[in-house]
Amino acid sequence: MSKTTNKFSPEVRERAVRMVLNHEGQHGSRWQAITSISAKIGCSANTLNAWVKKAEVDSGDRAGIPSDMADKMKALERENRELRQANEILRKASAYFAMAELDRRSK
């Protein structure tokens, strides 16, 4: 889960990205389009720039890992970490009970 709150709905993000991509030609550069549109919707230019880059990656227009794959990888890494922790707990419990069994037999 993200550490920051999402102030903008997905619909607002999508609309802002579309505005940048559609109005890019009306400005001197993409950055100028981003700064102009970000001021209108009330977010920082860097935030809008990140949204645009992410949208381009998700659509295949830019190299990178798409959001759905990144989410899937994150979930698999979390599951892997939890399974490693469970295995470690079971390994320690097994060693503990093996020692207890040896102590019981030696008495």
C-alpha atoms as a PDB file:
ATOM      1  CA  MET A   1       0.000   0.000   0.000  1.00  0.00           C
ATOM      2  CA  SER A   2       1.231   3.461  -0.805  1.00  0.00           C
ATOM      3  CA  LYS A   3       2.557   5.624   1.994  1.00  0.00           C
ATOM      4  CA  THR A   4       0.962   8.714   0.507  1.00  0.00           C
ATOM      5  CA  THR A   5      -2.700   9.400   0.036  1.00  0.00           C
ATOM      6  CA  ASN A   6      -4.002   9.727  -3.484  1.00  0.00           C
ATOM      7  CA  LYS A   7      -5.558  13.157  -3.660  1.00  0.00           C
ATOM      8  CA  PHE A   8      -6.650  12.690  -7.265  1.00  0.00           C
ATOM      9  CA  SER A   9      -9.074  10.072  -8.533  1.00  0.00           C
ATOM     10  CA  PRO A  10      -8.036   7.755 -11.368  1.00  0.00           C
ATOM     11  CA  GLU A  11     -10.462   9.596 -13.652  1.00  0.00           C
ATOM     12  CA  VAL A  12      -8.760  12.941 -12.967  1.00  0.00           C
ATOM     13  CA  ARG A  13      -5.352  11.378 -13.571  1.00  0.00           C
ATOM     14  CA  GLU A  14      -6.460   9.837 -16.869  1.00  0.00           C
ATOM     15  CA  ARG A  15      -8.016  13.095 -18.018  1.00  0.00           C
ATOM     16  CA  ALA A  16      -4.888  15.075 -17.108  1.00  0.00           C
ATOM     17  CA  VAL A  17      -2.681  12.626 -19.007  1.00  0.00           C
ATOM     18  CA  ARG A  18      -4.987  12.809 -22.046  1.00  0.00           C
ATOM     19  CA  MET A  19      -4.866  16.605 -21.888  1.00  0.00           C
ATOM     20  CA  VAL A  20      -1.062  16.577 -21.879  1.00  0.00           C
ATOM     21  CA  LEU A  21      -0.861  14.143 -24.792  1.00  0.00           C
ATOM     22  CA  ASN A  22      -3.536  15.971 -26.804  1.00  0.00           C
ATOM     23  CA  HIS A  23      -2.239  19.512 -26.175  1.00  0.00           C
ATOM     24  CA  GLU A  24       1.470  18.793 -26.347  1.00  0.00           C
ATOM     25  CA  GLY A  25       1.667  20.230 -29.868  1.00  0.00           C
ATOM     26  CA  GLN A  26       0.128  23.526 -28.746  1.00  0.00           C
ATOM     27  CA  HIS A  27       3.032  24.175 -26.387  1.00  0.00           C
ATOM     28  CA  GLY A  28       6.731  24.562 -27.062  1.00  0.00           C
ATOM     29  CA  SER A  29       7.548  21.277 -25.314  1.00  0.00           C
ATOM     30  CA  ARG A  30       5.948  18.495 -23.341  1.00  0.00           C
ATOM     31  CA  TRP A  31       7.215  20.042 -20.126  1.00  0.00           C
ATOM     32  CA  GLN A  32       5.454  23.322 -20.916  1.00  0.00           C
ATOM     33  CA  ALA A  33       2.224  21.414 -21.541  1.00  0.00           C
ATOM     34  CA  ILE A  34       2.681  19.553 -18.256  1.00  0.00           C
ATOM     35  CA  THR A  35       3.324  22.708 -16.230  1.00  0.00           C
ATOM     36  CA  SER A  36       0.350  24.469 -17.814  1.00  0.00           C
ATOM     37  CA  ILE A  37      -2.073  21.592 -17.198  1.00  0.00           C
ATOM     38  CA  SER A  38      -0.752  20.758 -13.725  1.00  0.00           C
ATOM     39  CA  ALA A  39      -1.439  24.334 -12.644  1.00  0.00           C
ATOM     40  CA  LYS A  40      -5.021  23.999 -13.857  1.00  0.00           C
ATOM     41  CA  ILE A  41      -5.745  20.752 -12.001  1.00  0.00           C
ATOM     42  CA  GLY A  42      -3.807  21.638  -8.862  1.00  0.00           C
ATOM     43  CA  CYS A  43      -0.985  19.096  -8.802  1.00  0.00           C
ATOM     44  CA  SER A  44       2.743  19.520  -9.169  1.00  0.00           C
ATOM     45  CA  ALA A  45       4.309  19.314 -12.605  1.00  0.00           C
ATOM     46  CA  ASN A  46       6.518  16.445 -11.469  1.00  0.00           C
ATOM     47  CA  THR A  47       3.478  14.471 -10.345  1.00  0.00           C
ATOM     48  CA  LEU A  48       1.731  14.961 -13.678  1.00  0.00           C
ATOM     49  CA  ASN A  49       4.945  14.084 -15.508  1.00  0.00           C
ATOM     50  CA  ALA A  50       5.104  10.797 -13.546  1.00  0.00           C
ATOM     51  CA  TRP A  51       1.475  10.048 -14.468  1.00  0.00           C
ATOM     52  CA  VAL A  52       2.238  10.669 -18.145  1.00  0.00           C
ATOM     53  CA  LYS A  53       5.315   8.425 -18.060  1.00  0.00           C
ATOM     54  CA  LYS A  54       3.384   5.671 -16.288  1.00  0.00           C
ATOM     55  CA  ALA A  55       0.564   5.901 -18.843  1.00  0.00           C
ATOM     56  CA  GLU A  56       3.100   5.626 -21.669  1.00  0.00           C
ATOM     57  CA  VAL A  57       4.684   2.545 -20.096  1.00  0.00           C
ATOM     58  CA  ASP A  58       1.275   0.951 -19.555  1.00  0.00           C
ATOM     59  CA  SER A  59       0.297   1.606 -23.180  1.00  0.00           C
ATOM     60  CA  GLY A  60       3.611   0.261 -24.496  1.00  0.00           C
ATOM     61  CA  ASP A  61       4.803   3.603 -25.877  1.00  0.00           C
ATOM     62  CA  ARG A  62       7.707   3.759 -23.406  1.00  0.00           C
ATOM     63  CA  ALA A  63      10.063   1.066 -22.138  1.00  0.00           C
ATOM     64  CA  GLY A  64       9.423  -0.150 -18.627  1.00  0.00           C
ATOM     65  CA  ILE A  65       7.382  -2.536 -16.527  1.00  0.00           C
ATOM     66  CA  PRO A  66       3.611  -1.994 -16.885  1.00  0.00           C
ATOM     67  CA  SER A  67       1.618  -1.330 -13.709  1.00  0.00           C
ATOM     68  CA  ASP A  68      -0.192  -4.669 -13.735  1.00  0.00           C
ATOM     69  CA  MET A  69       3.095  -6.568 -13.975  1.00  0.00           C
ATOM     70  CA  ALA A  70       4.677  -4.414 -11.263  1.00  0.00           C
ATOM     71  CA  ASP A  71       1.692  -5.088  -8.971  1.00  0.00           C
ATOM     72  CA  LYS A  72       1.911  -8.807  -9.695  1.00  0.00           C
ATOM     73  CA  MET A  73       5.661  -8.817  -8.979  1.00  0.00           C
ATOM     74  CA  LYS A  74       5.142  -6.945  -5.732  1.00  0.00           C
ATOM     75  CA  ALA A  75       2.493  -9.456  -4.614  1.00  0.00           C
ATOM     76  CA  LEU A  76       4.740 -12.401  -5.508  1.00  0.00           C
ATOM     77  CA  GLU A  77       7.689 -10.860  -3.660  1.00  0.00           C
ATOM     78  CA  ARG A  78       5.484 -10.346  -0.590  1.00  0.00           C
ATOM     79  CA  GLU A  79       4.271 -13.968  -0.778  1.00  0.00           C
ATOM     80  CA  ASN A  80       7.847 -15.194  -1.211  1.00  0.00           C
ATOM     81  CA  ARG A  81       8.963 -13.213   1.846  1.00  0.00           C
ATOM     82  CA  GLU A  82       6.083 -14.600   3.933  1.00  0.00           C
ATOM     83  CA  LEU A  83       6.847 -18.165   2.834  1.00  0.00           C
ATOM     84  CA  ARG A  84      10.536 -17.748   3.707  1.00  0.00           C
ATOM     85  CA  GLN A  85       9.538 -16.489   7.164  1.00  0.00           C
ATOM     86  CA  ALA A  86       7.155 -19.437   7.637  1.00  0.00           C
ATOM     87  CA  ASN A  87       9.886 -21.872   6.550  1.00  0.00           C
ATOM     88  CA  GLU A  88      12.324 -20.317   9.017  1.00  0.00           C
ATOM     89  CA  ILE A  89       9.780 -20.647  11.841  1.00  0.00           C
ATOM     90  CA  LEU A  90       9.140 -24.291  10.908  1.00  0.00           C
ATOM     91  CA  ARG A  91      12.883 -24.998  10.695  1.00  0.00           C
ATOM     92  CA  LYS A  92      13.432 -23.563  14.186  1.00  0.00           C
ATOM     93  CA  ALA A  93      10.410 -25.418  15.601  1.00  0.00           C
ATOM     94  CA  SER A  94      11.647 -28.666  14.074  1.00  0.00           C
ATOM     95  CA  ALA A  95      15.088 -28.190  15.618  1.00  0.00           C
ATOM     96  CA  TYR A  96      13.526 -27.365  18.994  1.00  0.00           C
ATOM     97  CA  PHE A  97      11.318 -30.469  18.990  1.00  0.00           C
ATOM     98  CA  ALA A  98      14.198 -32.660  17.786  1.00  0.00           C
ATOM     99  CA  MET A  99      16.309 -31.449  20.734  1.00  0.00           C
ATOM    100  CA  ALA A 100      13.385 -32.039  23.099  1.00  0.00           C
ATOM    101  CA  GLU A 101      13.005 -35.585  21.757  1.00  0.00           C
ATOM    102  CA  LEU A 102      16.727 -36.237  22.224  1.00  0.00           C
ATOM    103  CA  ASP A 103      16.569 -34.902  25.781  1.00  0.00           C
ATOM    104  CA  ARG A 104      13.549 -37.126  26.518  1.00  0.00           C
ATOM    105  CA  ARG A 105      15.321 -40.211  25.171  1.00  0.00           C
ATOM    106  CA  SER A 106      18.510 -39.540  27.095  1.00  0.00           C
ATOM    107  CA  LYS A 107      16.694 -39.499  30.440  1.00  0.00           C
END
